[in-house]
Protein backbone atom coordinates (compact mmCIF):
# COMPACT_ATOMS: atom_id res chain seq x y z
CA MET A 1 39.17 6.14 27.25
CA SER A 2 36.52 5.16 24.88
CA ALA A 3 32.90 7.05 26.09
CA LEU A 4 31.02 4.29 24.75
CA PRO A 5 30.08 1.39 27.59
CA PHE A 6 30.62 -1.59 25.96
CA ALA A 7 34.20 -0.10 24.35
CA ARG A 8 35.76 -0.68 27.57
CA SER A 9 35.08 -4.80 27.83
CA GLY A 10 35.97 -5.42 24.27
CA ALA A 11 32.58 -6.93 23.44
CA LEU A 12 29.26 -5.86 21.97
CA PRO A 13 26.15 -6.72 24.30
CA ALA A 14 24.19 -10.00 23.32
CA ARG A 15 21.40 -9.28 21.76
CA PRO A 16 18.51 -11.59 22.46
CA ALA A 17 17.80 -14.40 19.61
CA PRO A 18 15.08 -13.43 17.22
CA ARG A 19 11.58 -15.00 17.77
CA PRO A 20 10.37 -17.31 14.63
CA PRO A 21 7.29 -15.56 12.68
CA ARG A 22 3.58 -16.62 14.43
CA SER A 23 3.06 -18.29 11.11
CA ALA A 24 5.80 -20.86 11.49
CA SER A 25 4.29 -23.21 13.01
CA ILE A 26 1.36 -23.20 10.70
CA SER A 27 3.53 -23.84 7.74
CA ALA A 28 5.60 -26.48 9.31
CA GLY A 29 1.91 -28.69 9.50
CA ARG A 30 1.84 -28.42 13.46
CA SER A 31 -0.85 -27.05 15.07
CA PRO A 32 -1.17 -23.13 15.51
CA GLY A 33 -3.38 -23.63 18.32
CA PRO A 34 -7.14 -22.18 19.30
CA GLY A 35 -8.07 -19.34 17.24
CA LEU A 36 -4.80 -19.52 14.70
CA ALA A 37 -6.26 -21.60 11.92
CA ARG A 38 -5.57 -21.00 8.29
CA ARG A 39 -7.92 -19.03 6.60
CA GLY A 40 -11.38 -21.10 5.01
CA GLN A 41 -10.32 -23.96 8.11
CA SER A 42 -12.13 -24.60 11.01
CA ALA A 43 -10.03 -25.02 13.99
CA ALA A 44 -11.11 -28.96 14.40
CA THR A 45 -9.17 -29.32 10.84
CA ALA A 46 -6.31 -27.25 11.57
CA GLY A 47 -5.02 -29.56 13.98
CA GLU A 48 -4.73 -32.69 11.12
CA GLY A 49 -1.62 -31.50 9.38
CA GLY A 50 -3.95 -28.71 7.40
CA SER A 51 -6.23 -30.50 5.46
CA ARG A 52 -8.24 -28.93 3.70
CA ALA A 53 -10.48 -31.17 2.60
CA ALA A 54 -13.59 -30.18 5.21
CA THR A 55 -14.38 -27.05 3.60
CA ALA A 56 -16.56 -26.24 0.61
CA PRO A 57 -14.66 -25.03 -2.59
CA VAL A 58 -14.49 -21.29 -3.23
CA SER A 59 -17.00 -21.40 -5.93
CA ALA A 60 -19.47 -22.89 -3.49
CA ARG A 61 -18.98 -20.33 -1.10
CA PRO A 62 -21.61 -17.48 -1.03
CA GLY A 63 -19.47 -14.06 -1.62
CA PRO A 64 -19.49 -11.34 1.32
CA GLY A 65 -22.46 -9.44 0.07
CA ALA A 66 -24.19 -12.30 -1.70
CA GLY A 67 -26.22 -13.05 1.99
CA GLY A 68 -26.77 -17.04 0.53
CA SER A 69 -28.97 -15.45 -2.02
CA GLY A 70 -26.47 -16.00 -4.89
CA SER A 71 -27.40 -12.60 -6.40
CA ALA A 72 -25.18 -10.99 -8.54
CA ALA A 73 -25.48 -7.25 -6.46
CA GLY A 74 -23.00 -8.87 -3.65
CA GLY A 75 -20.21 -10.13 -6.42
CA GLU A 76 -20.57 -6.22 -7.97
CA SER A 77 -19.83 -4.92 -4.78
CA ALA A 78 -16.74 -7.13 -4.20
CA VAL A 79 -15.61 -6.41 -7.57
CA SER A 80 -15.83 -2.89 -6.58
CA ALA A 81 -14.35 -3.25 -3.38
CA MET A 82 -11.18 -4.59 -4.83
CA ALA A 83 -11.41 -2.41 -8.01
CA LEU A 84 -11.11 0.53 -4.92
CA GLY A 85 -8.15 -1.35 -2.81
CA SER A 86 -6.36 -1.85 -5.85
CA ALA A 87 -6.15 1.86 -7.08
CA TRP A 88 -5.59 2.75 -3.33
CA LYS A 89 -3.03 0.30 -3.17
CA GLN A 90 -1.65 1.69 -6.59
CA MET A 91 -1.79 5.41 -5.14
CA SER A 92 -0.27 4.23 -1.95
CA TRP A 93 2.84 2.95 -3.99
CA LEU A 94 2.91 6.12 -6.31
CA TYR A 95 3.15 8.40 -3.23
CA TYR A 96 5.80 6.04 -1.08
CA GLN A 97 8.03 6.42 -4.87
CA TYR A 98 7.53 10.04 -4.54
CA LEU A 99 8.74 10.16 -1.15
CA LEU A 100 12.07 8.02 -2.33
CA VAL A 101 12.50 10.26 -5.02
CA THR A 102 12.07 13.47 -3.54
CA ALA A 103 14.06 12.22 -0.41
CA LEU A 104 10.59 13.66 1.47
CA TYR A 105 10.98 10.29 3.90
CA MET A 106 13.48 12.22 6.10
CA LEU A 107 11.21 15.00 7.05
CA GLU A 108 9.63 15.47 9.80
CA PRO A 109 5.69 15.75 9.07
CA TRP A 110 5.19 19.19 9.39
CA GLU A 111 8.42 19.82 7.24
CA ARG A 112 6.87 17.87 4.99
CA THR A 113 3.38 19.39 5.05
CA VAL A 114 5.13 22.84 3.87
CA PHE A 115 7.22 21.25 1.00
CA ASN A 116 4.29 19.63 -0.31
CA SER A 117 2.18 23.08 -0.24
CA MET A 118 4.53 24.64 -1.61
CA LEU A 119 4.86 22.14 -4.77
CA VAL A 120 1.31 22.70 -5.00
CA SER A 121 1.15 26.18 -5.62
CA ILE A 122 3.83 26.40 -7.48
CA VAL A 123 2.62 23.64 -9.97
CA GLY A 124 -0.82 25.72 -9.43
CA MET A 125 0.57 29.14 -10.34
CA ALA A 126 2.38 27.54 -13.20
CA LEU A 127 -0.86 25.85 -14.98
CA TYR A 128 -2.98 29.18 -14.32
CA THR A 129 0.21 31.18 -16.03
CA GLY A 130 0.20 28.80 -18.84
CA TYR A 131 -3.63 28.73 -19.16
CA VAL A 132 -3.95 32.37 -19.32
CA PHE A 133 -1.41 33.23 -21.41
CA MET A 134 -0.57 30.31 -23.53
CA PRO A 135 -3.36 31.27 -26.21
CA GLN A 136 -2.02 34.82 -26.70
CA HIS A 137 1.82 33.45 -27.25
CA ILE A 138 -0.17 30.68 -29.90
CA MET A 139 -1.67 33.41 -31.77
CA ALA A 140 1.52 35.66 -31.60
CA ILE A 141 3.62 32.67 -33.15
CA LEU A 142 0.69 31.86 -35.77
CA HIS A 143 0.47 35.52 -36.80
CA TYR A 144 4.56 35.48 -37.49
CA PHE A 145 4.42 32.73 -39.51
CA GLU A 146 1.87 33.82 -41.43
CA ILE A 147 -0.50 30.86 -40.82
CA VAL A 148 -3.36 32.99 -39.26
CA GLN A 149 -4.22 36.12 -41.29
């Protein structure tokens, strides 16, 4: 006799049917309901099959920091925010790759902290040792090959 409860009946327990995503009604052209209008679309035009004719074109809308004055300062802040967001996204992706390659994603947070601390200290000591002793070794090599007298 097996210890698993569903092994006696010979069938696995029934799983509930998966729900469709919330955006399915929006993409199918149906009315998404109040508060679920597409971006740049009013609630009045959301139920009309997704017509975007009621909204102004992107170039006519003021930017996030423009304040309606059309100044270039708002655009610059938006560009710097996008660059910062892009850099953050790239660093997050690189950290995720680091976790996957080193298999750190399997560790608990405290174990990951201990491992990363040890790694940073070892790399730091190696860089310091190279900075202190490398000039002596380079000078010894140059003297050996009689490049420097």
